[in-house]
Amino acid sequence: MEQDQTQIPSTGDQAVDAALTVLDGLDGRPVREHVAVFDAVHGALADRLAETRD
C-alpha cells in the first residue's frame, strides 16, 4: 500500500512547526510509542501557547 507523503504546511511559528515535525516520523514507530510522542507534542504546543500569553 502506498503511503501519503503530504507535508505539514508551515504555521509561521518555528516552535509550533518543530513540534509538528515530530509527527512526520510517527508511521515508522511502534504503536506503543505513539502516546509518548503525542504527549510530547502536546506539551510543546502548550508551552508555546503559554509563552504567547505573557
PDB file of N, CA and C in Angstrom:
ATOM      1  N   MET A   1       0.852  -1.177   0.000  1.00  0.00           N
ATOM      2  CA  MET A   1       0.000   0.000   0.000  1.00  0.00           C
ATOM      3  C   MET A   1       0.897   1.239   0.000  1.00  0.00           C
ATOM      4  N   GLU A   2       0.551   2.208  -0.806  1.00  0.00           N
ATOM      5  CA  GLU A   2       1.318   3.442  -0.915  1.00  0.00           C
ATOM      6  C   GLU A   2       0.884   4.420   0.174  1.00  0.00           C
ATOM      7  N   GLN A   3       1.901   5.042   0.825  1.00  0.00           N
ATOM      8  CA  GLN A   3       1.598   5.983   1.891  1.00  0.00           C
ATOM      9  C   GLN A   3       1.527   7.399   1.347  1.00  0.00           C
ATOM     10  N   ASP A   4       0.664   8.201   1.939  1.00  0.00           N
ATOM     11  CA  ASP A   4       0.531   9.603   1.580  1.00  0.00           C
ATOM     12  C   ASP A   4       1.734  10.359   2.113  1.00  0.00           C
ATOM     13  N   GLN A   5       2.436  11.069   1.273  1.00  0.00           N
ATOM     14  CA  GLN A   5       3.632  11.800   1.669  1.00  0.00           C
ATOM     15  C   GLN A   5       3.350  13.291   1.803  1.00  0.00           C
ATOM     16  N   THR A   6       2.147  13.642   2.222  1.00  0.00           N
ATOM     17  CA  THR A   6       1.755  15.029   2.375  1.00  0.00           C
ATOM     18  C   THR A   6       2.567  15.674   3.483  1.00  0.00           C
ATOM     19  N   GLN A   7       3.137  16.832   3.187  1.00  0.00           N
ATOM     20  CA  GLN A   7       3.892  17.559   4.188  1.00  0.00           C
ATOM     21  C   GLN A   7       2.971  18.455   4.989  1.00  0.00           C
ATOM     22  N   ILE A   8       3.323  18.627   6.248  1.00  0.00           N
ATOM     23  CA  ILE A   8       2.567  19.529   7.102  1.00  0.00           C
ATOM     24  C   ILE A   8       2.913  20.952   6.687  1.00  0.00           C
ATOM     25  N   PRO A   9       1.920  21.775   6.391  1.00  0.00           N
ATOM     26  CA  PRO A   9       2.216  23.153   5.989  1.00  0.00           C
ATOM     27  C   PRO A   9       2.806  23.950   7.143  1.00  0.00           C
ATOM     28  N   SER A  10       3.596  24.928   6.815  1.00  0.00           N
ATOM     29  CA  SER A  10       4.213  25.786   7.822  1.00  0.00           C
ATOM     30  C   SER A  10       3.149  26.640   8.501  1.00  0.00           C
ATOM     31  N   THR A  11       3.296  26.780   9.813  1.00  0.00           N
ATOM     32  CA  THR A  11       2.368  27.624  10.570  1.00  0.00           C
ATOM     33  C   THR A  11       2.890  29.049  10.682  1.00  0.00           C
ATOM     34  N   GLY A  12       4.178  29.230  10.383  1.00  0.00           N
ATOM     35  CA  GLY A  12       4.795  30.539  10.545  1.00  0.00           C
ATOM     36  C   GLY A  12       5.414  30.726  11.921  1.00  0.00           C
ATOM     37  N   ASP A  13       5.260  29.745  12.778  1.00  0.00           N
ATOM     38  CA  ASP A  13       5.841  29.791  14.119  1.00  0.00           C
ATOM     39  C   ASP A  13       6.826  28.627  14.223  1.00  0.00           C
ATOM     40  N   GLN A  14       8.101  28.937  14.400  1.00  0.00           N
ATOM     41  CA  GLN A  14       9.128  27.897  14.396  1.00  0.00           C
ATOM     42  C   GLN A  14       8.923  26.852  15.484  1.00  0.00           C
ATOM     43  N   ALA A  15       8.491  27.256  16.669  1.00  0.00           N
ATOM     44  CA  ALA A  15       8.296  26.308  17.766  1.00  0.00           C
ATOM     45  C   ALA A  15       7.151  25.342  17.450  1.00  0.00           C
ATOM     46  N   VAL A  16       6.087  25.857  16.881  1.00  0.00           N
ATOM     47  CA  VAL A  16       4.944  25.012  16.505  1.00  0.00           C
ATOM     48  C   VAL A  16       5.342  24.085  15.365  1.00  0.00           C
ATOM     49  N   ASP A  17       6.025  24.614  14.363  1.00  0.00           N
ATOM     50  CA  ASP A  17       6.466  23.789  13.238  1.00  0.00           C
ATOM     51  C   ASP A  17       7.385  22.666  13.707  1.00  0.00           C
ATOM     52  N   ALA A  18       8.288  22.966  14.628  1.00  0.00           N
ATOM     53  CA  ALA A  18       9.205  21.949  15.147  1.00  0.00           C
ATOM     54  C   ALA A  18       8.433  20.857  15.890  1.00  0.00           C
ATOM     55  N   ALA A  19       7.444  21.256  16.674  1.00  0.00           N
ATOM     56  CA  ALA A  19       6.643  20.274  17.405  1.00  0.00           C
ATOM     57  C   ALA A  19       5.874  19.372  16.438  1.00  0.00           C
ATOM     58  N   LEU A  20       5.290  19.957  15.407  1.00  0.00           N
ATOM     59  CA  LEU A  20       4.502  19.183  14.451  1.00  0.00           C
ATOM     60  C   LEU A  20       5.368  18.276  13.581  1.00  0.00           C
ATOM     61  N   THR A  21       6.615  18.664  13.355  1.00  0.00           N
ATOM     62  CA  THR A  21       7.532  17.862  12.550  1.00  0.00           C
ATOM     63  C   THR A  21       7.762  16.497  13.185  1.00  0.00           C
ATOM     64  N   VAL A  22       7.694  16.435  14.501  1.00  0.00           N
ATOM     65  CA  VAL A  22       7.880  15.169  15.205  1.00  0.00           C
ATOM     66  C   VAL A  22       6.837  14.149  14.746  1.00  0.00           C
ATOM     67  N   LEU A  23       5.664  14.603  14.363  1.00  0.00           N
ATOM     68  CA  LEU A  23       4.607  13.698  13.923  1.00  0.00           C
ATOM     69  C   LEU A  23       4.930  13.042  12.585  1.00  0.00           C
ATOM     70  N   ASP A  24       5.813  13.644  11.789  1.00  0.00           N
ATOM     71  CA  ASP A  24       6.174  13.076  10.490  1.00  0.00           C
ATOM     72  C   ASP A  24       6.743  11.670  10.612  1.00  0.00           C
ATOM     73  N   GLY A  25       7.482  11.392  11.671  1.00  0.00           N
ATOM     74  CA  GLY A  25       8.110  10.084  11.825  1.00  0.00           C
ATOM     75  C   GLY A  25       7.271   9.073  12.581  1.00  0.00           C
ATOM     76  N   LEU A  26       6.049   9.420  12.886  1.00  0.00           N
ATOM     77  CA  LEU A  26       5.208   8.557  13.705  1.00  0.00           C
ATOM     78  C   LEU A  26       4.889   7.228  13.018  1.00  0.00           C
ATOM     79  N   ASP A  27       4.712   7.230  11.713  1.00  0.00           N
ATOM     80  CA  ASP A  27       4.376   5.998  10.989  1.00  0.00           C
ATOM     81  C   ASP A  27       5.436   4.916  11.155  1.00  0.00           C
ATOM     82  N   GLY A  28       6.677   5.326  11.306  1.00  0.00           N
ATOM     83  CA  GLY A  28       7.760   4.362  11.425  1.00  0.00           C
ATOM     84  C   GLY A  28       7.998   3.861  12.837  1.00  0.00           C
ATOM     85  N   ARG A  29       7.247   4.369  13.783  1.00  0.00           N
ATOM     86  CA  ARG A  29       7.432   3.971  15.183  1.00  0.00           C
ATOM     87  C   ARG A  29       6.375   2.952  15.594  1.00  0.00           C
ATOM     88  N   PRO A  30       6.723   2.109  16.547  1.00  0.00           N
ATOM     89  CA  PRO A  30       5.728   1.153  17.055  1.00  0.00           C
ATOM     90  C   PRO A  30       4.549   1.896  17.691  1.00  0.00           C
ATOM     91  N   VAL A  31       3.371   1.327  17.574  1.00  0.00           N
ATOM     92  CA  VAL A  31       2.165   1.963  18.099  1.00  0.00           C
ATOM     93  C   VAL A  31       2.302   2.253  19.591  1.00  0.00           C
ATOM     94  N   ARG A  32       2.980   1.396  20.322  1.00  0.00           N
ATOM     95  CA  ARG A  32       3.118   1.602  21.768  1.00  0.00           C
ATOM     96  C   ARG A  32       3.868   2.888  22.105  1.00  0.00           C
ATOM     97  N   GLU A  33       4.604   3.454  21.146  1.00  0.00           N
ATOM     98  CA  GLU A  33       5.336   4.702  21.358  1.00  0.00           C
ATOM     99  C   GLU A  33       4.512   5.943  20.993  1.00  0.00           C
ATOM    100  N   HIS A  34       3.397   5.756  20.340  1.00  0.00           N
ATOM    101  CA  HIS A  34       2.612   6.896  19.855  1.00  0.00           C
ATOM    102  C   HIS A  34       2.122   7.800  20.976  1.00  0.00           C
ATOM    103  N   VAL A  35       1.667   7.229  22.068  1.00  0.00           N
ATOM    104  CA  VAL A  35       1.146   8.048  23.165  1.00  0.00           C
ATOM    105  C   VAL A  35       2.220   8.985  23.689  1.00  0.00           C
ATOM    106  N   ALA A  36       3.441   8.486  23.851  1.00  0.00           N
ATOM    107  CA  ALA A  36       4.534   9.326  24.341  1.00  0.00           C
ATOM    108  C   ALA A  36       4.841  10.452  23.359  1.00  0.00           C
ATOM    109  N   VAL A  37       4.770  10.163  22.062  1.00  0.00           N
ATOM    110  CA  VAL A  37       5.023  11.185  21.046  1.00  0.00           C
ATOM    111  C   VAL A  37       3.919  12.242  21.088  1.00  0.00           C
ATOM    112  N   PHE A  38       2.672  11.792  21.139  1.00  0.00           N
ATOM    113  CA  PHE A  38       1.562  12.750  21.218  1.00  0.00           C
ATOM    114  C   PHE A  38       1.656  13.596  22.474  1.00  0.00           C
ATOM    115  N   ASP A  39       2.036  12.979  23.584  1.00  0.00           N
ATOM    116  CA  ASP A  39       2.181  13.703  24.843  1.00  0.00           C
ATOM    117  C   ASP A  39       3.279  14.765  24.733  1.00  0.00           C
ATOM    118  N   ALA A  40       4.391  14.425  24.101  1.00  0.00           N
ATOM    119  CA  ALA A  40       5.490  15.375  23.939  1.00  0.00           C
ATOM    120  C   ALA A  40       5.084  16.543  23.039  1.00  0.00           C
ATOM    121  N   VAL A  41       4.382  16.247  21.951  1.00  0.00           N
ATOM    122  CA  VAL A  41       3.930  17.302  21.037  1.00  0.00           C
ATOM    123  C   VAL A  41       2.912  18.196  21.747  1.00  0.00           C
ATOM    124  N   HIS A  42       2.003  17.596  22.478  1.00  0.00           N
ATOM    125  CA  HIS A  42       1.015  18.370  23.222  1.00  0.00           C
ATOM    126  C   HIS A  42       1.706  19.292  24.220  1.00  0.00           C
ATOM    127  N   GLY A  43       2.701  18.776  24.924  1.00  0.00           N
ATOM    128  CA  GLY A  43       3.444  19.590  25.882  1.00  0.00           C
ATOM    129  C   GLY A  43       4.159  20.757  25.221  1.00  0.00           C
ATOM    130  N   ALA A  44       4.783  20.503  24.072  1.00  0.00           N
ATOM    131  CA  ALA A  44       5.489  21.560  23.354  1.00  0.00           C
ATOM    132  C   ALA A  44       4.520  22.641  22.872  1.00  0.00           C
ATOM    133  N   LEU A  45       3.369  22.218  22.371  1.00  0.00           N
ATOM    134  CA  LEU A  45       2.381  23.197  21.903  1.00  0.00           C
ATOM    135  C   LEU A  45       1.779  23.977  23.068  1.00  0.00           C
ATOM    136  N   ALA A  46       1.535  23.316  24.186  1.00  0.00           N
ATOM    137  CA  ALA A  46       1.007  24.006  25.364  1.00  0.00           C
ATOM    138  C   ALA A  46       2.016  25.023  25.895  1.00  0.00           C
ATOM    139  N   ASP A  47       3.304  24.644  25.893  1.00  0.00           N
ATOM    140  CA  ASP A  47       4.348  25.577  26.324  1.00  0.00           C
ATOM    141  C   ASP A  47       4.389  26.797  25.420  1.00  0.00           C
ATOM    142  N   ARG A  48       4.289  26.578  24.125  1.00  0.00           N
ATOM    143  CA  ARG A  48       4.326  27.695  23.176  1.00  0.00           C
ATOM    144  C   ARG A  48       3.116  28.594  23.366  1.00  0.00           C
ATOM    145  N   LEU A  49       1.965  28.009  23.588  1.00  0.00           N
ATOM    146  CA  LEU A  49       0.760  28.790  23.812  1.00  0.00           C
ATOM    147  C   LEU A  49       0.906  29.628  25.091  1.00  0.00           C
ATOM    148  N   ALA A  50       1.465  29.054  26.116  1.00  0.00           N
ATOM    149  CA  ALA A  50       1.687  29.787  27.372  1.00  0.00           C
ATOM    150  C   ALA A  50       2.642  30.956  27.158  1.00  0.00           C
ATOM    151  N   GLU A  51       3.646  30.780  26.308  1.00  0.00           N
ATOM    152  CA  GLU A  51       4.599  31.859  26.019  1.00  0.00           C
ATOM    153  C   GLU A  51       3.908  33.040  25.346  1.00  0.00           C
ATOM    154  N   THR A  52       2.907  32.777  24.543  1.00  0.00           N
ATOM    155  CA  THR A  52       2.238  33.864  23.818  1.00  0.00           C
ATOM    156  C   THR A  52       1.315  34.662  24.733  1.00  0.00           C
ATOM    157  N   ARG A  53       1.005  34.126  25.889  1.00  0.00           N
ATOM    158  CA  ARG A  53       0.110  34.811  26.831  1.00  0.00           C
ATOM    159  C   ARG A  53       0.864  35.736  27.765  1.00  0.00           C
ATOM    160  N   ASP A  54       2.185  35.650  27.753  1.00  0.00           N
ATOM    161  CA  ASP A  54       2.992  36.517  28.645  1.00  0.00           C
ATOM    162  C   ASP A  54       3.046  37.940  28.164  1.00  0.00           C
TER     163      ASP A  54
END
